[in-house]
Amino acid sequence: MDTNKGGSEAMEQASVEESPRGSGNPPAEVAQFRAKKDEFEKAIRQVEKHLRKQNGRLELDVNDAKQAGVDPTLFQVLKESLDETNKRVKAGELRVDAVQLETPEAGDAIEEAVGPGYTGIQTFWWGNRVFLNEPDTHILTDLLKGAATTAVITGMLTNVLGAVPSAIVAGIIAIAALTLVAICGWGAHKGIYFNFAWPAVPWGVWHQ
């Protein structure tokens, strides 16, 4: 993704890093990621109202987007993600009890759930949430700025997260380094997190 060049890029980065968390409006490059993240997480919370654990499977008590009250495209993404979760449970790749059925909201709710500056992967019924704390975010952005190879970035992420699917690595690499810096700065430098629907469909990145 392209970012602004030269002095305007530096000014934007500085202004974001100096902004108190949650105050004012983030720059467009940051706001678009928040919008996508908010849209996805709103749909998740709506669908979770209809999610049940039954006979060792996860099931919905609605059949379509209208019944769930969400956008049809997002409902399809989430329904396919749920099917993938059940497929992995049946194959023994996941334990149904290890899959989180409730997704904490962004911002302070996430801090309460996992603590500020968290690094790790959480598995939900819809996919994975990948967290990087502030130091790990800086390591990643430095590698991206330096045009590090995919193998090097994969090694870094594996070192702090454990095994990471290649599609998730690709999704992270696709986001410009300065965008990640700006997002992290907007959140008072407490790290970032990525939403990935199954199998590894990126649906937003935001600060912890």
Protein backbone atom coordinates (compact mmCIF):
# COMPACT_ATOMS: atom_id res chain seq x y z
CA MET A 1 0.00 0.00 0.00
CA ASP A 2 1.34 3.39 -0.98
CA THR A 3 2.11 5.98 1.70
CA ASN A 4 2.79 9.71 1.48
CA LYS A 5 6.34 10.63 0.58
CA GLY A 6 8.99 12.91 2.02
CA GLY A 7 8.30 15.62 4.57
CA SER A 8 4.53 15.19 4.59
CA GLU A 9 5.01 11.52 5.57
CA ALA A 10 7.28 12.48 8.47
CA MET A 11 4.91 15.22 9.61
CA GLU A 12 1.95 12.84 9.54
CA GLN A 13 3.85 10.21 11.49
CA ALA A 14 4.94 12.75 14.09
CA SER A 15 1.47 14.19 14.49
CA VAL A 16 -0.03 10.74 14.98
CA GLU A 17 2.60 9.66 17.49
CA GLU A 18 2.01 12.80 19.54
CA SER A 19 -1.79 12.45 19.54
CA PRO A 20 -3.36 11.39 22.85
CA ARG A 21 -5.06 8.06 22.50
CA GLY A 22 -8.60 8.38 21.19
CA SER A 23 -8.49 12.16 20.70
CA GLY A 24 -9.39 13.88 17.44
CA ASN A 25 -9.57 12.11 14.11
CA PRO A 26 -6.77 9.88 12.81
CA PRO A 27 -5.29 10.61 9.36
CA ALA A 28 -6.96 8.95 6.38
CA GLU A 29 -4.28 6.26 6.08
CA VAL A 30 -5.08 5.17 9.63
CA ALA A 31 -8.83 5.81 9.55
CA GLN A 32 -9.47 3.39 6.70
CA PHE A 33 -8.04 0.52 8.75
CA ARG A 34 -10.16 1.48 11.74
CA ALA A 35 -13.26 1.57 9.55
CA LYS A 36 -12.63 -1.93 8.20
CA LYS A 37 -11.80 -3.25 11.66
CA ASP A 38 -14.93 -1.67 13.17
CA GLU A 39 -17.15 -3.05 10.41
CA PHE A 40 -15.80 -6.57 10.90
CA GLU A 41 -15.94 -6.53 14.69
CA LYS A 42 -19.47 -5.11 14.73
CA ALA A 43 -20.59 -8.01 12.51
CA ILE A 44 -18.75 -10.48 14.74
CA ARG A 45 -20.53 -9.26 17.87
CA GLN A 46 -23.89 -9.35 16.11
CA VAL A 47 -23.40 -12.91 14.85
CA GLU A 48 -22.11 -14.05 18.26
CA LYS A 49 -25.59 -13.43 19.65
CA HIS A 50 -26.68 -16.43 17.58
CA LEU A 51 -23.68 -18.70 18.23
CA ARG A 52 -24.09 -21.91 20.17
CA LYS A 53 -21.90 -24.87 21.14
CA GLN A 54 -23.80 -28.07 20.48
CA ASN A 55 -22.73 -31.72 20.15
CA GLY A 56 -19.06 -30.79 19.91
CA ARG A 57 -19.72 -28.25 17.14
CA LEU A 58 -20.30 -24.53 16.88
CA GLU A 59 -23.61 -23.64 15.28
CA LEU A 60 -25.72 -20.59 14.47
CA ASP A 61 -29.43 -20.36 15.19
CA VAL A 62 -29.94 -18.20 12.08
CA ASN A 63 -29.66 -19.12 8.41
CA ASP A 64 -28.89 -15.88 6.62
CA ALA A 65 -27.57 -12.34 6.91
CA LYS A 66 -31.01 -10.77 7.27
CA GLN A 67 -31.84 -12.92 10.27
CA ALA A 68 -28.45 -12.15 11.81
CA GLY A 69 -28.77 -8.43 11.08
CA VAL A 70 -25.42 -8.06 9.31
CA ASP A 71 -24.09 -7.25 5.85
CA PRO A 72 -24.49 -10.26 3.51
CA THR A 73 -20.83 -10.24 2.47
CA LEU A 74 -19.63 -10.21 6.06
CA PHE A 75 -22.15 -12.87 7.05
CA GLN A 76 -20.79 -15.11 4.29
CA VAL A 77 -17.21 -14.52 5.45
CA LEU A 78 -18.14 -15.33 9.05
CA LYS A 79 -20.25 -18.35 8.09
CA GLU A 80 -17.37 -19.78 6.04
CA SER A 81 -15.01 -19.07 8.93
CA LEU A 82 -17.30 -20.92 11.32
CA ASP A 83 -17.45 -23.86 8.92
CA GLU A 84 -13.65 -23.87 8.76
CA THR A 85 -13.44 -23.88 12.57
CA ASN A 86 -15.77 -26.89 12.74
CA LYS A 87 -13.73 -28.61 10.04
CA ARG A 88 -10.54 -28.11 12.05
CA VAL A 89 -12.22 -29.31 15.24
CA LYS A 90 -13.42 -32.46 13.47
CA ALA A 91 -9.91 -33.07 12.09
CA GLY A 92 -8.43 -32.75 15.57
CA GLU A 93 -6.49 -29.58 14.70
CA LEU A 94 -8.47 -27.57 17.26
CA ARG A 95 -10.27 -28.39 20.48
CA VAL A 96 -13.72 -26.87 20.54
CA ASP A 97 -13.18 -25.82 24.17
CA ALA A 98 -10.08 -23.88 23.12
CA VAL A 99 -12.02 -21.75 20.64
CA GLN A 100 -13.21 -18.45 22.07
CA LEU A 101 -16.89 -17.77 21.44
CA GLU A 102 -16.91 -14.14 22.60
CA THR A 103 -14.74 -11.49 20.99
CA PRO A 104 -13.70 -8.55 23.20
CA GLU A 105 -14.28 -5.10 21.79
CA ALA A 106 -11.40 -2.94 20.63
CA GLY A 107 -9.40 -0.52 22.75
CA ASP A 108 -9.80 -0.73 26.51
CA ALA A 109 -11.82 -3.94 26.36
CA ILE A 110 -8.92 -5.70 24.67
CA GLU A 111 -6.50 -4.36 27.26
CA GLU A 112 -8.69 -5.77 30.00
CA ALA A 113 -8.80 -9.12 28.23
CA VAL A 114 -5.15 -9.62 27.35
CA GLY A 115 -3.22 -6.77 29.00
CA PRO A 116 -1.49 -3.85 27.26
CA GLY A 117 1.54 -4.64 25.17
CA TYR A 118 0.59 -8.27 24.53
CA THR A 119 2.22 -10.53 21.92
CA GLY A 120 0.46 -13.72 20.92
CA ILE A 121 -2.27 -15.34 18.83
CA GLN A 122 -5.82 -15.84 20.06
CA THR A 123 -8.14 -18.27 18.29
CA PHE A 124 -11.80 -17.35 17.93
CA TRP A 125 -14.69 -19.05 16.18
CA TRP A 126 -14.15 -16.74 13.20
CA GLY A 127 -10.35 -17.02 12.93
CA ASN A 128 -7.30 -15.55 14.63
CA ARG A 129 -6.35 -12.28 16.26
CA VAL A 130 -2.61 -11.66 16.07
CA PHE A 131 -1.11 -9.31 18.67
CA LEU A 132 2.30 -7.64 18.67
CA ASN A 133 3.44 -5.52 21.60
CA GLU A 134 5.32 -2.25 21.15
CA PRO A 135 8.88 -3.70 20.95
CA ASP A 136 7.79 -6.45 18.54
CA THR A 137 5.90 -3.91 16.43
CA HIS A 138 9.07 -1.83 16.12
CA ILE A 139 11.10 -4.88 15.08
CA LEU A 140 8.51 -5.72 12.42
CA THR A 141 8.28 -2.18 11.04
CA ASP A 142 12.08 -1.88 10.91
CA LEU A 143 12.21 -5.08 8.86
CA LEU A 144 9.48 -3.82 6.55
CA LYS A 145 11.22 -0.47 6.09
CA GLY A 146 14.44 -2.30 5.27
CA ALA A 147 12.70 -4.43 2.63
CA ALA A 148 13.53 -7.63 4.50
CA THR A 149 12.72 -10.88 2.74
CA THR A 150 9.61 -12.87 3.51
CA ALA A 151 11.79 -15.55 5.09
CA VAL A 152 13.34 -13.03 7.51
CA ILE A 153 9.96 -11.59 8.50
CA THR A 154 8.53 -15.09 8.89
CA GLY A 155 11.43 -15.94 11.17
CA MET A 156 10.85 -12.86 13.30
CA LEU A 157 7.11 -13.55 13.66
CA THR A 158 7.71 -17.23 14.39
CA ASN A 159 10.21 -16.27 17.07
CA VAL A 160 7.66 -14.19 19.00
CA LEU A 161 4.40 -15.94 18.06
CA GLY A 162 5.26 -19.54 17.33
CA ALA A 163 4.14 -21.14 14.08
CA VAL A 164 2.45 -18.60 11.81
CA PRO A 165 0.59 -19.54 8.61
CA SER A 166 2.28 -18.15 5.50
CA ALA A 167 -0.97 -16.44 4.44
CA ILE A 168 -0.99 -14.44 7.68
CA VAL A 169 2.62 -13.43 7.15
CA ALA A 170 1.71 -12.28 3.64
CA GLY A 171 -1.23 -10.27 4.97
CA ILE A 172 0.99 -8.51 7.51
CA ILE A 173 3.70 -7.77 4.94
CA ALA A 174 1.10 -6.22 2.62
CA ILE A 175 0.55 -3.34 5.07
CA ALA A 176 3.03 -0.47 4.75
CA ALA A 177 5.49 -0.07 7.63
CA LEU A 178 4.66 3.59 8.26
CA THR A 179 0.97 2.75 8.42
CA LEU A 180 1.70 0.30 11.24
CA VAL A 181 3.85 2.92 12.98
CA ALA A 182 1.03 5.45 12.68
CA ILE A 183 -1.59 3.04 14.03
CA CYS A 184 0.62 2.03 16.95
CA GLY A 185 1.36 5.68 17.71
CA TRP A 186 -2.32 6.57 17.63
CA GLY A 187 -2.81 3.98 20.36
CA ALA A 188 -0.13 5.50 22.64
CA HIS A 189 2.53 2.99 21.56
CA LYS A 190 1.05 -0.15 23.10
CA GLY A 191 1.39 -2.36 20.06
CA ILE A 192 -1.03 -3.50 17.37
CA TYR A 193 -3.30 -6.38 16.48
CA PHE A 194 -4.58 -7.93 13.25
CA ASN A 195 -7.88 -9.71 12.59
CA PHE A 196 -7.64 -12.70 10.25
CA ALA A 197 -10.76 -14.65 9.33
CA TRP A 198 -10.18 -18.28 8.42
CA PRO A 199 -8.11 -19.37 6.66
CA ALA A 200 -6.12 -16.13 6.71
CA VAL A 201 -8.33 -13.35 5.33
CA PRO A 202 -7.20 -9.95 6.69
CA TRP A 203 -10.01 -7.87 8.22
CA GLY A 204 -8.40 -4.83 9.74
CA VAL A 205 -5.49 -3.86 11.92
CA TRP A 206 -5.63 -1.55 14.92
CA HIS A 207 -3.78 -0.59 18.08
CA GLN A 208 -4.03 -2.41 21.41
